[in-house]
Amino acid sequence: MDNVSVVRVFMLTGLNETMNYRVALFTFTLLYYCIILFFNISLIMIIILDANLHEPMYILLCTFFINGLYGTAGFYPKFLFDLLSSSQEISYEGCLLQAFIMYSFACSDLSILAVMAYDRYLAICRPLHYHSLMTKRRLSQLVCFSWLTPFSILSINIVLTSRLKLCGTNIRRLLCVNWIIVKLVCPEADTFSNGVVAYLTIVLYVSHGIFILWTYMHLISTSVRSKDDRAKFMQTCVPHLVSLTTFLVTIVFDVMYMRFGSSDLPQSFQNFIAIEFLLIPPAMNPMIYGFKLTKIRNRILGLVYDKRQ
């Protein structure tokens, strides 16, 4: 049992510089989290309850919004509690769980975006074969792939991390992530297995990005040939591209800073970088799709109109 960590509690020190603003920060964060919950749950319910939206594209959107709720639930309740607490502690097990949620949320998001790109590729580039290829069974398999694959890989990663002996307890962030926990290992600890799993995970999700790039090369080349295809591309693919770009920018920025960034920057700026993937996409995605996709927008407007009547 020499390689099992004896650390039972971590200290999250990212809030140390905001002692005088915690009430205002709590109010703003609670309001913002309620907005995220309202937008995502509203669109999920609209898609579930409207039979006209039981199509692959909208079902994938529903899984996308559910994943957003899953990821934010792993951060906001704990963060709100920390804002009202005199000390920001998290148990060893809770830290590993939060790290698992953060990584699986991000990886699932990219997987779902890849599946959504494949769906748009079939709809625009191979419309005659769309319904024979995107069957209910195929759709179920793709949804399971987008969730179960990151869950399986990251479970292995977290289990390997839990076997490391740690020599530190301070985490200079607002939340736990696996890379930061691994940086706290004792010098003699063997992290080779963690590195191998991390490398395989990077390769897998870089391949997702390459696949999305390939699908959009075909989508763009097909769309320029036809006015109808251009209209379909602008209607359904542009929101996807905005979501994808926002996700990649926030994730890549955080990863690059976590690996190579300077700790001399203001703590508040470091905090923003660390949680921007939990701030921007979960609130922006439902608004983009809600306003851009005609069927969803008409359904929302219909509900608003009915209430006014």
Protein backbone atom coordinates (compact mmCIF):
# COMPACT_ATOMS: atom_id res chain seq x y z
CA MET A 1 0.00 0.00 0.00
CA ASP A 2 3.01 2.33 -0.27
CA ASN A 3 1.75 3.82 -3.52
CA VAL A 4 -1.65 4.83 -2.16
CA SER A 5 -2.11 8.50 -1.39
CA VAL A 6 -2.56 9.48 2.24
CA VAL A 7 -4.01 12.87 1.25
CA ARG A 8 -7.67 13.04 2.27
CA VAL A 9 -8.48 16.74 1.67
CA PHE A 10 -7.40 19.29 -0.93
CA MET A 11 -7.42 23.06 -0.49
CA LEU A 12 -8.78 25.08 -3.43
CA THR A 13 -6.93 28.39 -3.17
CA GLY A 14 -8.28 30.08 -6.29
CA LEU A 15 -10.69 32.24 -4.27
CA ASN A 16 -8.11 33.73 -1.93
CA GLU A 17 -8.02 37.09 -3.75
CA THR A 18 -11.80 37.55 -3.86
CA MET A 19 -12.60 37.64 -0.14
CA ASN A 20 -14.20 41.10 -0.35
CA TYR A 21 -16.41 40.30 -3.34
CA ARG A 22 -17.86 36.94 -2.42
CA VAL A 23 -21.45 38.08 -1.87
CA ALA A 24 -21.58 39.84 -5.24
CA LEU A 25 -19.81 36.91 -6.92
CA PHE A 26 -22.23 34.45 -5.32
CA THR A 27 -25.25 36.44 -6.53
CA PHE A 28 -23.92 36.75 -10.06
CA THR A 29 -22.89 33.07 -10.23
CA LEU A 30 -26.23 31.83 -8.90
CA LEU A 31 -28.10 33.98 -11.43
CA TYR A 32 -25.86 32.81 -14.26
CA TYR A 33 -26.25 29.15 -13.29
CA CYS A 34 -30.04 29.57 -13.20
CA ILE A 35 -29.89 31.01 -16.72
CA ILE A 36 -27.86 28.00 -17.90
CA LEU A 37 -30.36 25.62 -16.28
CA PHE A 38 -33.36 27.47 -17.72
CA PHE A 39 -32.09 27.62 -21.31
CA ASN A 40 -30.84 24.04 -21.47
CA ILE A 41 -33.78 22.43 -19.68
CA SER A 42 -36.27 24.46 -21.76
CA LEU A 43 -34.79 23.27 -25.05
CA ILE A 44 -34.49 19.69 -23.81
CA MET A 45 -38.19 19.68 -22.86
CA ILE A 46 -39.21 21.30 -26.14
CA ILE A 47 -37.37 18.62 -28.13
CA ILE A 48 -38.72 15.77 -25.97
CA LEU A 49 -42.35 16.94 -25.99
CA ASP A 50 -42.61 17.97 -29.65
CA ALA A 51 -42.97 14.91 -31.92
CA ASN A 52 -41.97 17.03 -34.94
CA LEU A 53 -38.51 17.41 -33.41
CA HIS A 54 -37.88 13.68 -32.97
CA GLU A 55 -35.31 13.70 -35.75
CA PRO A 56 -31.61 12.74 -35.48
CA MET A 57 -30.34 16.32 -35.55
CA TYR A 58 -32.61 17.44 -32.70
CA ILE A 59 -32.04 14.28 -30.66
CA LEU A 60 -28.30 14.93 -30.90
CA LEU A 61 -28.93 18.51 -29.80
CA CYS A 62 -30.85 17.16 -26.82
CA THR A 63 -27.87 15.01 -25.80
CA PHE A 64 -25.64 18.07 -26.30
CA PHE A 65 -27.72 20.14 -23.87
CA ILE A 66 -27.94 17.26 -21.36
CA ASN A 67 -24.17 17.02 -21.43
CA GLY A 68 -23.97 20.75 -20.72
CA LEU A 69 -26.13 20.27 -17.63
CA TYR A 70 -23.94 17.36 -16.54
CA GLY A 71 -20.72 19.35 -16.82
CA THR A 72 -21.99 22.48 -15.09
CA ALA A 73 -23.51 20.39 -12.27
CA GLY A 74 -20.00 19.18 -11.51
CA PHE A 75 -18.79 22.73 -10.87
CA TYR A 76 -21.41 25.37 -10.00
CA PRO A 77 -23.02 23.85 -6.84
CA LYS A 78 -19.60 23.26 -5.26
CA PHE A 79 -18.37 26.69 -6.33
CA LEU A 80 -21.45 28.39 -4.85
CA PHE A 81 -20.92 26.50 -1.59
CA ASP A 82 -17.25 27.58 -1.55
CA LEU A 83 -18.25 31.23 -1.94
CA LEU A 84 -20.23 31.01 1.31
CA SER A 85 -17.65 28.93 3.17
CA SER A 86 -14.76 30.20 5.25
CA SER A 87 -12.40 27.56 3.82
CA GLN A 88 -12.50 26.03 0.38
CA GLU A 89 -11.87 22.34 0.93
CA ILE A 90 -12.74 19.32 -1.16
CA SER A 91 -12.28 15.70 -0.17
CA TYR A 92 -9.82 13.50 -2.02
CA GLU A 93 -12.65 11.41 -3.46
CA GLY A 94 -14.68 14.51 -4.32
CA CYS A 95 -11.71 16.01 -6.15
CA LEU A 96 -11.24 12.87 -8.24
CA LEU A 97 -14.98 12.82 -9.01
CA GLN A 98 -14.96 16.46 -10.08
CA ALA A 99 -11.89 15.87 -12.25
CA PHE A 100 -13.67 12.92 -13.89
CA ILE A 101 -16.80 15.02 -14.56
CA MET A 102 -14.83 17.91 -16.04
CA TYR A 103 -12.83 15.72 -18.42
CA SER A 104 -15.72 13.44 -19.41
CA PHE A 105 -17.94 16.50 -20.02
CA ALA A 106 -15.35 18.08 -22.33
CA CYS A 107 -14.60 14.84 -24.20
CA SER A 108 -18.31 14.00 -24.57
CA ASP A 109 -18.93 17.47 -25.97
CA LEU A 110 -16.33 16.90 -28.70
CA SER A 111 -17.70 13.42 -29.43
CA ILE A 112 -21.25 14.77 -29.77
CA LEU A 113 -20.02 17.57 -32.04
CA ALA A 114 -18.29 14.95 -34.20
CA VAL A 115 -21.50 12.90 -34.43
CA MET A 116 -23.46 16.07 -35.27
CA ALA A 117 -20.96 16.81 -38.07
CA TYR A 118 -21.47 13.27 -39.42
CA ASP A 119 -25.25 13.76 -39.33
CA ARG A 120 -24.97 17.01 -41.32
CA TYR A 121 -22.60 15.34 -43.78
CA LEU A 122 -25.17 12.62 -44.49
CA ALA A 123 -28.06 15.11 -44.68
CA ILE A 124 -26.35 17.46 -47.18
CA CYS A 125 -23.81 15.33 -49.04
CA ARG A 126 -25.77 12.06 -49.19
CA PRO A 127 -29.43 13.06 -48.81
CA LEU A 128 -30.82 10.07 -50.73
CA HIS A 129 -29.16 7.65 -48.30
CA TYR A 130 -29.73 9.70 -45.15
CA HIS A 131 -32.68 7.77 -43.70
CA SER A 132 -31.17 4.38 -44.53
CA LEU A 133 -27.85 5.30 -42.89
CA MET A 134 -29.06 7.40 -39.95
CA THR A 135 -31.49 4.86 -38.52
CA LYS A 136 -32.74 4.83 -34.93
CA ARG A 137 -30.32 2.00 -34.16
CA ARG A 138 -27.37 3.84 -35.70
CA LEU A 139 -28.33 7.01 -33.86
CA SER A 140 -28.51 5.14 -30.54
CA GLN A 141 -25.09 3.61 -31.20
CA LEU A 142 -23.57 7.01 -31.95
CA VAL A 143 -25.07 8.59 -28.82
CA CYS A 144 -23.77 5.71 -26.69
CA PHE A 145 -20.36 6.07 -28.31
CA SER A 146 -20.23 9.79 -27.55
CA TRP A 147 -20.90 9.17 -23.85
CA LEU A 148 -19.52 5.71 -23.03
CA THR A 149 -16.15 6.13 -24.76
CA PRO A 150 -14.98 9.16 -22.72
CA PHE A 151 -16.51 7.69 -19.56
CA SER A 152 -14.55 4.45 -20.03
CA ILE A 153 -11.23 6.08 -20.93
CA LEU A 154 -11.38 8.68 -18.20
CA SER A 155 -12.43 6.13 -15.59
CA ILE A 156 -9.15 4.35 -16.28
CA ASN A 157 -7.29 7.65 -16.05
CA ILE A 158 -8.85 8.55 -12.69
CA VAL A 159 -8.23 5.07 -11.28
CA LEU A 160 -4.55 5.36 -12.23
CA THR A 161 -4.38 8.79 -10.61
CA SER A 162 -5.96 7.46 -7.41
CA ARG A 163 -3.05 5.02 -7.06
CA LEU A 164 -0.42 7.76 -7.01
CA LYS A 165 1.19 8.96 -3.80
CA LEU A 166 0.71 12.70 -3.41
CA CYS A 167 3.01 15.15 -1.61
CA GLY A 168 0.84 18.27 -1.82
CA THR A 169 -2.68 19.42 -1.02
CA ASN A 170 -2.95 22.96 -2.45
CA ILE A 171 -4.72 23.40 -5.79
CA ARG A 172 -4.47 26.96 -7.10
CA ARG A 173 -7.73 26.72 -9.01
CA LEU A 174 -11.46 26.86 -8.44
CA LEU A 175 -11.93 23.22 -9.36
CA CYS A 176 -10.09 19.92 -9.59
CA VAL A 177 -8.67 18.63 -12.86
CA ASN A 178 -6.63 15.49 -13.32
CA TRP A 179 -3.50 17.19 -14.65
CA ILE A 180 -3.24 19.40 -11.55
CA ILE A 181 -3.67 16.41 -9.23
CA VAL A 182 -0.91 14.52 -11.08
CA LYS A 183 1.39 17.53 -10.65
CA LEU A 184 1.10 17.02 -6.87
CA VAL A 185 2.59 13.51 -6.95
CA CYS A 186 5.75 12.75 -5.00
CA PRO A 187 9.01 12.78 -7.00
CA GLU A 188 9.45 9.03 -6.71
CA ALA A 189 5.94 8.24 -8.03
CA ASP A 190 5.65 6.45 -11.37
CA THR A 191 3.29 8.36 -13.69
CA PHE A 192 4.16 6.44 -16.86
CA SER A 193 0.76 4.70 -17.07
CA ASN A 194 -1.03 8.02 -16.61
CA GLY A 195 1.03 9.52 -19.42
CA VAL A 196 0.22 6.63 -21.78
CA VAL A 197 -3.53 6.90 -21.14
CA ALA A 198 -3.40 10.69 -21.50
CA TYR A 199 -1.52 10.34 -24.79
CA LEU A 200 -4.05 7.83 -26.15
CA THR A 201 -6.89 10.13 -25.09
CA ILE A 202 -5.30 13.06 -26.92
CA VAL A 203 -4.81 10.93 -30.06
CA LEU A 204 -8.43 9.77 -29.95
CA TYR A 205 -9.90 13.25 -29.65
CA VAL A 206 -7.49 14.81 -32.14
CA SER A 207 -8.83 12.18 -34.55
CA HIS A 208 -12.32 13.50 -33.73
CA GLY A 209 -11.14 16.95 -34.79
CA ILE A 210 -9.64 15.59 -38.03
CA PHE A 211 -12.92 13.79 -38.77
CA ILE A 212 -14.91 17.00 -38.24
CA LEU A 213 -12.52 18.86 -40.55
CA TRP A 214 -12.96 16.17 -43.20
CA THR A 215 -16.77 16.33 -43.00
CA TYR A 216 -16.78 20.11 -43.35
CA MET A 217 -14.49 20.01 -46.36
CA HIS A 218 -17.14 17.85 -48.05
CA LEU A 219 -20.01 19.95 -46.69
CA ILE A 220 -18.57 23.19 -48.03
CA SER A 221 -17.67 21.70 -51.42
CA THR A 222 -21.20 20.29 -51.74
CA SER A 223 -22.97 23.43 -50.52
CA VAL A 224 -21.39 25.76 -53.08
CA ARG A 225 -22.96 23.77 -55.94
CA SER A 226 -26.59 24.29 -54.98
CA LYS A 227 -28.65 27.14 -53.60
CA ASP A 228 -30.76 24.73 -51.53
CA ASP A 229 -27.66 23.08 -50.07
CA ARG A 230 -26.22 26.50 -49.23
CA ALA A 231 -29.41 27.43 -47.41
CA LYS A 232 -29.38 24.13 -45.49
CA PHE A 233 -25.70 24.61 -44.64
CA MET A 234 -26.28 28.15 -43.32
CA GLN A 235 -29.33 27.04 -41.36
CA THR A 236 -27.99 23.91 -39.66
CA CYS A 237 -24.19 23.92 -39.95
CA VAL A 238 -23.33 27.48 -38.94
CA PRO A 239 -24.64 27.00 -35.35
CA HIS A 240 -22.61 23.80 -35.18
CA LEU A 241 -19.49 25.61 -36.37
CA VAL A 242 -19.99 28.37 -33.80
CA SER A 243 -20.40 25.80 -31.00
CA LEU A 244 -17.37 23.85 -32.21
CA THR A 245 -15.17 26.93 -32.50
CA THR A 246 -16.18 28.22 -29.07
CA PHE A 247 -15.56 24.82 -27.50
CA LEU A 248 -12.14 24.37 -29.11
CA VAL A 249 -10.97 27.89 -28.26
CA THR A 250 -11.97 27.60 -24.59
CA ILE A 251 -10.56 24.08 -24.14
CA VAL A 252 -7.30 24.64 -26.04
CA PHE A 253 -6.70 27.94 -24.25
CA ASP A 254 -7.19 26.29 -20.85
CA VAL A 255 -5.01 23.27 -21.69
CA MET A 256 -2.20 25.40 -23.11
CA TYR A 257 -2.25 27.71 -20.11
CA MET A 258 -2.39 24.80 -17.65
CA ARG A 259 0.66 23.22 -19.29
CA PHE A 260 2.74 26.26 -20.21
CA GLY A 261 1.19 29.35 -18.59
CA SER A 262 2.80 31.56 -15.98
CA SER A 263 1.60 31.51 -12.38
CA ASP A 264 2.58 35.19 -12.06
CA LEU A 265 -0.62 36.36 -13.76
CA PRO A 266 -3.44 37.72 -11.55
CA GLN A 267 -5.38 34.94 -9.85
CA SER A 268 -8.70 36.27 -11.17
CA PHE A 269 -7.42 35.96 -14.75
CA GLN A 270 -6.20 32.43 -14.06
CA ASN A 271 -9.61 31.58 -12.62
CA PHE A 272 -11.40 32.85 -15.73
CA ILE A 273 -9.19 30.79 -18.02
CA ALA A 274 -9.76 27.71 -15.87
CA ILE A 275 -13.58 27.88 -16.00
CA GLU A 276 -14.33 29.59 -19.33
CA PHE A 277 -15.38 26.25 -20.87
CA LEU A 278 -18.02 26.10 -18.12
CA LEU A 279 -19.05 29.74 -18.57
CA ILE A 280 -19.42 30.33 -22.30
CA PRO A 281 -20.56 27.16 -24.14
CA PRO A 282 -23.28 25.95 -21.71
CA ALA A 283 -25.09 29.32 -21.90
CA MET A 284 -24.31 30.18 -25.52
CA ASN A 285 -25.14 26.85 -27.20
CA PRO A 286 -28.88 26.73 -26.37
CA MET A 287 -29.28 30.38 -27.38
CA ILE A 288 -27.56 29.81 -30.74
CA TYR A 289 -29.62 26.75 -31.63
CA GLY A 290 -32.81 28.18 -30.16
CA PHE A 291 -32.67 31.28 -32.35
CA LYS A 292 -31.06 29.81 -35.48
CA LEU A 293 -32.91 26.53 -36.07
CA THR A 294 -36.30 27.32 -37.58
CA LYS A 295 -38.30 24.48 -36.01
CA ILE A 296 -37.07 25.20 -32.50
CA ARG A 297 -37.46 28.97 -32.93
CA ASN A 298 -41.03 28.55 -34.22
CA ARG A 299 -41.86 26.25 -31.34
CA ILE A 300 -40.52 28.77 -28.81
CA LEU A 301 -42.40 31.63 -30.46
CA GLY A 302 -45.54 29.50 -30.52
CA LEU A 303 -45.28 28.87 -26.78
CA VAL A 304 -44.73 32.57 -26.07
CA TYR A 305 -47.68 33.52 -28.29
CA ASP A 306 -49.98 30.96 -26.65
CA LYS A 307 -49.13 32.28 -23.19
CA ARG A 308 -49.94 35.84 -24.25
CA GLN A 309 -53.29 34.70 -25.58
